[in-house]
């Protein structure tokens, strides 16, 4: 079942009437903060993984044992 533009408009109006403009704007602000925090977390974890991979790749030579 596909929703047309009229059905979406009616749903939007009903939501606006039920919750009010102030509540919806504060909810969207919280959603925006959540998306920003999620993106920051993904970026930080990707940077950490890349840092660990580069550190592991730095020293790949085997240690030489003393030959006496």
Protein backbone atom coordinates (compact mmCIF):
# COMPACT_ATOMS: atom_id res chain seq x y z
CA UNK A 1 0.00 0.00 0.00
CA UNK A 2 1.49 3.29 -1.09
CA UNK A 3 0.67 6.56 0.56
CA UNK A 4 -0.08 9.52 -1.65
CA UNK A 5 0.64 13.15 -0.87
CA UNK A 6 -2.89 13.73 0.46
CA UNK A 7 -2.62 10.91 2.99
CA UNK A 8 0.73 12.22 4.21
CA UNK A 9 -0.71 15.74 4.50
CA UNK A 10 -3.69 14.50 6.54
CA UNK A 11 -1.40 12.54 8.88
CA UNK A 12 0.84 15.60 9.33
CA UNK A 13 -2.15 17.79 10.20
CA UNK A 14 -3.47 15.23 12.71
CA UNK A 15 -0.06 14.97 14.38
CA UNK A 16 0.23 18.76 14.52
CA UNK A 17 -3.21 19.08 16.11
CA UNK A 18 -2.57 16.31 18.64
CA UNK A 19 0.88 17.35 19.81
CA UNK A 20 1.06 21.05 19.01
CA UNK A 21 3.78 23.01 17.29
CA UNK A 22 5.98 23.48 20.36
CA UNK A 23 6.11 19.80 21.25
CA UNK A 24 6.93 18.78 17.67
CA UNK A 25 9.72 21.36 17.35
CA UNK A 26 11.30 20.25 20.63
CA UNK A 27 11.03 16.62 19.53
CA UNK A 28 12.73 17.40 16.21
CA UNK A 29 15.47 19.25 18.09
CA UNK A 30 16.10 16.15 20.20
CA UNK A 31 16.15 13.98 17.08
CA UNK A 32 18.72 16.33 15.53
CA UNK A 33 20.91 16.13 18.65
CA UNK A 34 20.67 12.35 18.57
CA UNK A 35 21.71 12.18 14.92
CA UNK A 36 24.63 14.52 15.59
CA UNK A 37 25.79 12.42 18.55
CA UNK A 38 25.48 9.23 16.50
CA UNK A 39 27.56 10.67 13.64
CA UNK A 40 30.21 11.87 16.12
CA UNK A 41 30.37 8.42 17.71
CA UNK A 42 30.78 6.72 14.36
CA UNK A 43 33.50 9.19 13.36
CA UNK A 44 35.36 8.73 16.65
CA UNK A 45 35.22 4.94 16.50
CA UNK A 46 36.38 4.92 12.88
CA UNK A 47 39.32 7.18 13.77
CA UNK A 48 40.21 4.92 16.71
CA UNK A 49 40.13 1.79 14.54
CA UNK A 50 42.30 3.45 11.89
CA UNK A 51 44.77 4.61 14.57
CA UNK A 52 45.06 1.09 16.00
CA UNK A 53 45.52 -0.37 12.52
CA UNK A 54 48.26 2.12 11.67
CA UNK A 55 50.05 1.44 14.97
CA UNK A 56 49.91 -2.30 14.35
CA UNK A 57 51.29 -1.81 10.85
CA UNK A 58 54.24 0.30 12.03
CA UNK A 59 56.23 -2.51 13.62
CA UNK A 60 55.99 -5.63 11.52
CA UNK A 61 59.66 -6.62 11.67
CA UNK A 62 60.38 -9.63 13.86
CA UNK A 63 62.65 -9.15 16.83
CA UNK A 64 66.18 -10.46 16.41
CA UNK A 65 67.48 -12.78 19.08
CA UNK A 66 70.95 -12.32 20.44
CA UNK A 67 73.40 -14.69 18.76
CA UNK A 68 76.35 -15.23 21.02
